C-alpha atoms as a PDB file:
ATOM      1  CA  MET A   1      50.363  34.946  56.024  1.00  0.00           C
ATOM      2  CA  MET A   2      49.339  33.714  52.573  1.00  0.00           C
ATOM      3  CA  LEU A   3      49.955  36.005  49.653  1.00  0.00           C
ATOM      4  CA  PRO A   4      47.297  36.131  46.856  1.00  0.00           C
ATOM      5  CA  HIS A   5      47.799  33.942  43.912  1.00  0.00           C
ATOM      6  CA  TYR A   6      45.836  34.651  40.788  1.00  0.00           C
ATOM      7  CA  LYS A   7      45.054  31.558  38.682  1.00  0.00           C
ATOM      8  CA  LYS A   8      42.287  32.971  36.514  1.00  0.00           C
ATOM      9  CA  ILE A   9      42.400  36.519  35.272  1.00  0.00           C
ATOM     10  CA  LEU A  10      39.393  38.067  33.490  1.00  0.00           C
ATOM     11  CA  PHE A  11      40.274  40.977  31.159  1.00  0.00           C
ATOM     12  CA  ALA A  12      37.115  42.898  30.201  1.00  0.00           C
ATOM     13  CA  THR A  13      37.591  45.159  27.215  1.00  0.00           C
ATOM     14  CA  ASP A  14      35.508  47.663  25.252  1.00  0.00           C
ATOM     15  CA  LEU A  15      38.039  47.431  22.390  1.00  0.00           C
ATOM     16  CA  SER A  16      38.859  51.098  22.708  1.00  0.00           C
ATOM     17  CA  ALA A  17      42.277  52.482  21.770  1.00  0.00           C
ATOM     18  CA  GLY A  18      43.628  51.617  25.232  1.00  0.00           C
ATOM     19  CA  ALA A  19      42.806  47.868  24.945  1.00  0.00           C
ATOM     20  CA  PRO A  20      46.342  46.847  23.915  1.00  0.00           C
ATOM     21  CA  GLU A  21      47.869  48.514  27.057  1.00  0.00           C
ATOM     22  CA  VAL A  22      45.328  46.756  29.266  1.00  0.00           C
ATOM     23  CA  LEU A  23      45.960  43.473  27.584  1.00  0.00           C
ATOM     24  CA  ARG A  24      49.689  43.870  28.259  1.00  0.00           C
ATOM     25  CA  HIS A  25      48.966  44.301  31.993  1.00  0.00           C
ATOM     26  CA  ALA A  26      46.694  41.196  32.022  1.00  0.00           C
ATOM     27  CA  ILE A  27      49.325  39.065  30.209  1.00  0.00           C
ATOM     28  CA  SER A  28      52.175  40.347  32.446  1.00  0.00           C
ATOM     29  CA  LEU A  29      50.334  39.335  35.552  1.00  0.00           C
ATOM     30  CA  ALA A  30      49.376  35.990  33.985  1.00  0.00           C
ATOM     31  CA  ARG A  31      52.989  35.326  33.168  1.00  0.00           C
ATOM     32  CA  ALA A  32      54.056  36.286  36.708  1.00  0.00           C
ATOM     33  CA  TYR A  33      51.426  34.030  38.351  1.00  0.00           C
ATOM     34  CA  GLN A  34      51.436  31.311  35.722  1.00  0.00           C
ATOM     35  CA  SER A  35      47.740  31.854  35.267  1.00  0.00           C
ATOM     36  CA  GLU A  36      45.180  31.806  32.487  1.00  0.00           C
ATOM     37  CA  VAL A  37      43.316  34.670  30.998  1.00  0.00           C
ATOM     38  CA  GLU A  38      39.813  35.054  29.609  1.00  0.00           C
ATOM     39  CA  ILE A  39      39.044  38.059  27.464  1.00  0.00           C
ATOM     40  CA  LEU A  40      35.492  39.435  27.653  1.00  0.00           C
ATOM     41  CA  HIS A  41      33.722  41.999  25.509  1.00  0.00           C
ATOM     42  CA  VAL A  42      30.169  43.082  26.322  1.00  0.00           C
ATOM     43  CA  LEU A  43      27.859  44.403  23.652  1.00  0.00           C
ATOM     44  CA  PRO A  44      25.635  46.837  25.577  1.00  0.00           C
ATOM     45  CA  ASP A  45      21.931  46.558  25.088  1.00  0.00           C
ATOM     46  CA  ILE A  46      20.522  48.973  22.540  1.00  0.00           C
ATOM     47  CA  ASN A  47      18.235  51.750  23.935  1.00  0.00           C
ATOM     48  CA  PRO A  48      14.625  50.526  23.580  1.00  0.00           C
ATOM     49  CA  SER A  49      13.585  53.820  21.988  1.00  0.00           C
ATOM     50  CA  VAL A  50      16.107  53.252  19.192  1.00  0.00           C
ATOM     51  CA  ILE A  51      14.800  49.681  18.694  1.00  0.00           C
ATOM     52  CA  ASN A  52      11.203  51.055  18.464  1.00  0.00           C
ATOM     53  CA  GLU A  53      12.286  53.610  15.849  1.00  0.00           C
ATOM     54  CA  VAL A  54      14.026  50.943  13.769  1.00  0.00           C
ATOM     55  CA  ALA A  55      11.071  48.613  14.170  1.00  0.00           C
ATOM     56  CA  LEU A  56       8.716  51.292  12.913  1.00  0.00           C
ATOM     57  CA  VAL A  57      10.808  51.696   9.776  1.00  0.00           C
ATOM     58  CA  MET A  58      11.679  48.001   9.143  1.00  0.00           C
ATOM     59  CA  GLY A  59       8.683  46.332  10.678  1.00  0.00           C
ATOM     60  CA  THR A  60       8.889  44.242  13.843  1.00  0.00           C
ATOM     61  CA  ASP A  61       9.133  40.884  12.105  1.00  0.00           C
ATOM     62  CA  GLN A  62      11.815  41.988   9.621  1.00  0.00           C
ATOM     63  CA  LEU A  63      13.869  43.565  12.506  1.00  0.00           C
ATOM     64  CA  ALA A  64      13.656  40.268  14.479  1.00  0.00           C
ATOM     65  CA  GLU A  65      14.807  38.257  11.408  1.00  0.00           C
ATOM     66  CA  TYR A  66      17.674  40.711  10.816  1.00  0.00           C
ATOM     67  CA  GLU A  67      18.861  40.446  14.452  1.00  0.00           C
ATOM     68  CA  LEU A  68      18.757  36.652  14.361  1.00  0.00           C
ATOM     69  CA  ALA A  69      20.631  36.570  11.114  1.00  0.00           C
ATOM     70  CA  HIS A  70      23.359  39.033  12.098  1.00  0.00           C
ATOM     71  CA  THR A  71      23.959  38.527  15.861  1.00  0.00           C
ATOM     72  CA  ASP A  72      26.310  35.638  15.309  1.00  0.00           C
ATOM     73  CA  ASP A  73      28.130  37.594  12.584  1.00  0.00           C
ATOM     74  CA  VAL A  74      28.725  40.492  14.981  1.00  0.00           C
ATOM     75  CA  ILE A  75      29.958  38.180  17.703  1.00  0.00           C
ATOM     76  CA  ASP A  76      32.321  36.395  15.361  1.00  0.00           C
ATOM     77  CA  THR A  77      33.643  39.718  13.974  1.00  0.00           C
ATOM     78  CA  ILE A  78      34.343  40.953  17.557  1.00  0.00           C
ATOM     79  CA  ARG A  79      35.963  37.656  18.513  1.00  0.00           C
ATOM     80  CA  GLN A  80      38.237  37.953  15.490  1.00  0.00           C
ATOM     81  CA  GLN A  81      39.128  41.524  16.381  1.00  0.00           C
ATOM     82  CA  ILE A  82      40.210  40.351  19.852  1.00  0.00           C
ATOM     83  CA  GLN A  83      42.165  37.468  18.422  1.00  0.00           C
ATOM     84  CA  HIS A  84      43.885  39.845  16.047  1.00  0.00           C
ATOM     85  CA  LEU A  85      44.681  42.284  18.860  1.00  0.00           C
ATOM     86  CA  ALA A  86      46.113  39.473  21.068  1.00  0.00           C
ATOM     87  CA  ALA A  87      48.143  38.068  18.134  1.00  0.00           C
ATOM     88  CA  GLN A  88      49.482  41.476  17.260  1.00  0.00           C
ATOM     89  CA  GLU A  89      50.336  42.482  20.801  1.00  0.00           C
ATOM     90  CA  LEU A  90      51.925  39.104  21.667  1.00  0.00           C
ATOM     91  CA  ALA A  91      53.646  38.457  18.333  1.00  0.00           C
ATOM     92  CA  GLU A  92      57.018  38.440  20.069  1.00  0.00           C
ATOM     93  CA  HIS A  93      55.741  36.316  23.012  1.00  0.00           C
ATOM     94  CA  PRO A  94      53.873  33.370  21.498  1.00  0.00           C
ATOM     95  CA  ASP A  95      54.022  31.391  24.769  1.00  0.00           C
ATOM     96  CA  ASP A  96      51.995  34.154  26.359  1.00  0.00           C
ATOM     97  CA  LEU A  97      49.379  33.904  23.645  1.00  0.00           C
ATOM     98  CA  ALA A  98      48.593  30.388  24.919  1.00  0.00           C
ATOM     99  CA  ARG A  99      47.666  31.931  28.346  1.00  0.00           C
ATOM    100  CA  ILE A 100      44.442  33.205  26.728  1.00  0.00           C
ATOM    101  CA  GLN A 101      42.037  30.354  27.422  1.00  0.00           C
ATOM    102  CA  ALA A 102      38.806  31.923  26.038  1.00  0.00           C
ATOM    103  CA  ILE A 103      37.435  34.902  24.264  1.00  0.00           C
ATOM    104  CA  GLU A 104      33.823  35.637  25.242  1.00  0.00           C
ATOM    105  CA  VAL A 105      31.412  38.058  23.687  1.00  0.00           C
ATOM    106  CA  HIS A 106      28.126  38.682  25.583  1.00  0.00           C
ATOM    107  CA  HIS A 107      25.122  40.969  25.319  1.00  0.00           C
ATOM    108  CA  GLY A 108      23.823  42.922  28.343  1.00  0.00           C
ATOM    109  CA  PRO A 109      24.471  45.822  30.629  1.00  0.00           C
ATOM    110  CA  PRO A 110      28.325  46.029  30.699  1.00  0.00           C
ATOM    111  CA  ALA A 111      29.036  46.159  34.481  1.00  0.00           C
ATOM    112  CA  ALA A 112      26.501  43.430  35.472  1.00  0.00           C
ATOM    113  CA  THR A 113      27.604  41.213  32.615  1.00  0.00           C
ATOM    114  CA  ILE A 114      31.252  41.543  33.466  1.00  0.00           C
ATOM    115  CA  LEU A 115      30.503  40.621  37.107  1.00  0.00           C
ATOM    116  CA  GLU A 116      28.348  37.652  36.170  1.00  0.00           C
ATOM    117  CA  GLU A 117      31.047  36.342  33.754  1.00  0.00           C
ATOM    118  CA  ALA A 118      33.704  36.833  36.385  1.00  0.00           C
ATOM    119  CA  ASP A 119      31.736  34.585  38.835  1.00  0.00           C
ATOM    120  CA  ARG A 120      30.963  32.005  36.167  1.00  0.00           C
ATOM    121  CA  TYR A 121      34.619  31.827  35.089  1.00  0.00           C
ATOM    122  CA  GLY A 122      35.815  31.780  38.647  1.00  0.00           C
ATOM    123  CA  ALA A 123      38.054  34.761  38.158  1.00  0.00           C
ATOM    124  CA  ASP A 124      40.585  35.623  40.917  1.00  0.00           C
ATOM    125  CA  LEU A 125      41.306  39.033  39.456  1.00  0.00           C
ATOM    126  CA  LEU A 126      39.414  41.354  37.154  1.00  0.00           C
ATOM    127  CA  ILE A 127      41.350  43.744  34.903  1.00  0.00           C
ATOM    128  CA  LEU A 128      39.818  46.595  32.922  1.00  0.00           C
ATOM    129  CA  GLY A 129      40.735  49.996  31.559  1.00  0.00           C
ATOM    130  CA  ALA A 130      39.425  53.154  33.099  1.00  0.00           C
ATOM    131  CA  HIS A 131      38.945  56.096  30.779  1.00  0.00           C
ATOM    132  CA  GLY A 132      39.629  59.530  32.124  1.00  0.00           C
ATOM    133  CA  ARG A 133      36.336  61.427  32.214  1.00  0.00           C
ATOM    134  CA  GLU A 134      35.276  64.869  33.101  1.00  0.00           C
ATOM    135  CA  LYS A 135      34.281  65.146  36.764  1.00  0.00           C
ATOM    136  CA  LEU A 136      30.707  66.149  36.013  1.00  0.00           C
ATOM    137  CA  GLU A 137      30.129  63.383  33.552  1.00  0.00           C
ATOM    138  CA  TYR A 138      31.616  60.841  35.998  1.00  0.00           C
ATOM    139  CA  ALA A 139      29.430  62.107  38.836  1.00  0.00           C
ATOM    140  CA  LEU A 140      26.210  62.104  36.860  1.00  0.00           C
ATOM    141  CA  LEU A 141      26.658  58.983  34.800  1.00  0.00           C
ATOM    142  CA  GLY A 142      29.163  56.852  36.711  1.00  0.00           C
ATOM    143  CA  SER A 143      31.178  54.392  34.743  1.00  0.00           C
ATOM    144  CA  VAL A 144      31.425  50.707  34.030  1.00  0.00           C
ATOM    145  CA  ALA A 145      34.668  50.599  35.945  1.00  0.00           C
ATOM    146  CA  LYS A 146      33.170  52.318  38.965  1.00  0.00           C
ATOM    147  CA  ARG A 147      30.203  49.944  39.009  1.00  0.00           C
ATOM    148  CA  VAL A 148      32.443  46.882  38.670  1.00  0.00           C
ATOM    149  CA  MET A 149      34.715  48.061  41.464  1.00  0.00           C
ATOM    150  CA  LEU A 150      31.808  48.713  43.797  1.00  0.00           C
ATOM    151  CA  HIS A 151      30.163  45.284  43.265  1.00  0.00           C
ATOM    152  CA  ALA A 152      33.015  42.930  42.546  1.00  0.00           C
ATOM    153  CA  THR A 153      33.694  40.031  44.914  1.00  0.00           C
ATOM    154  CA  MET A 154      37.256  39.704  43.746  1.00  0.00           C
ATOM    155  CA  PRO A 155      40.147  42.208  43.381  1.00  0.00           C
ATOM    156  CA  VAL A 156      39.858  44.644  40.473  1.00  0.00           C
ATOM    157  CA  LEU A 157      42.873  46.159  38.663  1.00  0.00           C
ATOM    158  CA  LEU A 158      41.959  49.368  36.833  1.00  0.00           C
ATOM    159  CA  VAL A 159      44.486  50.502  34.215  1.00  0.00           C
ATOM    160  CA  HIS A 160      44.112  54.252  33.784  1.00  0.00           C
ATOM    161  CA  LEU A 161      43.847  55.174  30.106  1.00  0.00           C
ATOM    162  CA  ASP A 162      44.705  58.659  28.894  1.00  0.00           C
ATOM    163  CA  LYS A 163      41.980  60.650  27.131  1.00  0.00           C
ATOM    164  CA  SER A 164      44.239  61.051  24.176  1.00  0.00           C
END
């Protein structure tokens, strides 16, 4: 019987308050398996009705120019936030910081984008935080974590995050 060996771990984060805890789990497993980690943040698509409202105020051409001019800035800022988070959390373990091979920031529906990136990266394991939600909200809306778990082709580790 062959035991699983995780060589590539994808840590998907929404950069919420629980992100440091989930990062520690990802790095701990990466250390144990001598594997690499990619950190992914997905910028969800903006509701089309909101875009229409803004376009009415700004004008469609002006909105398009603004998006083009600032998309790279937003991605760079998020990438810097993730780098800062990793450097801060791993300050006492600089060797583990080197396990982070890439920081990716993508646009799209979060669950689908996480799964697409996991496949592209060749992840053996997906790690993400799961926020505690009210039962009714969870039943009606579902969650990114739930959708990822239902459709992932690789093991998924969910780290439960307190509501507090």
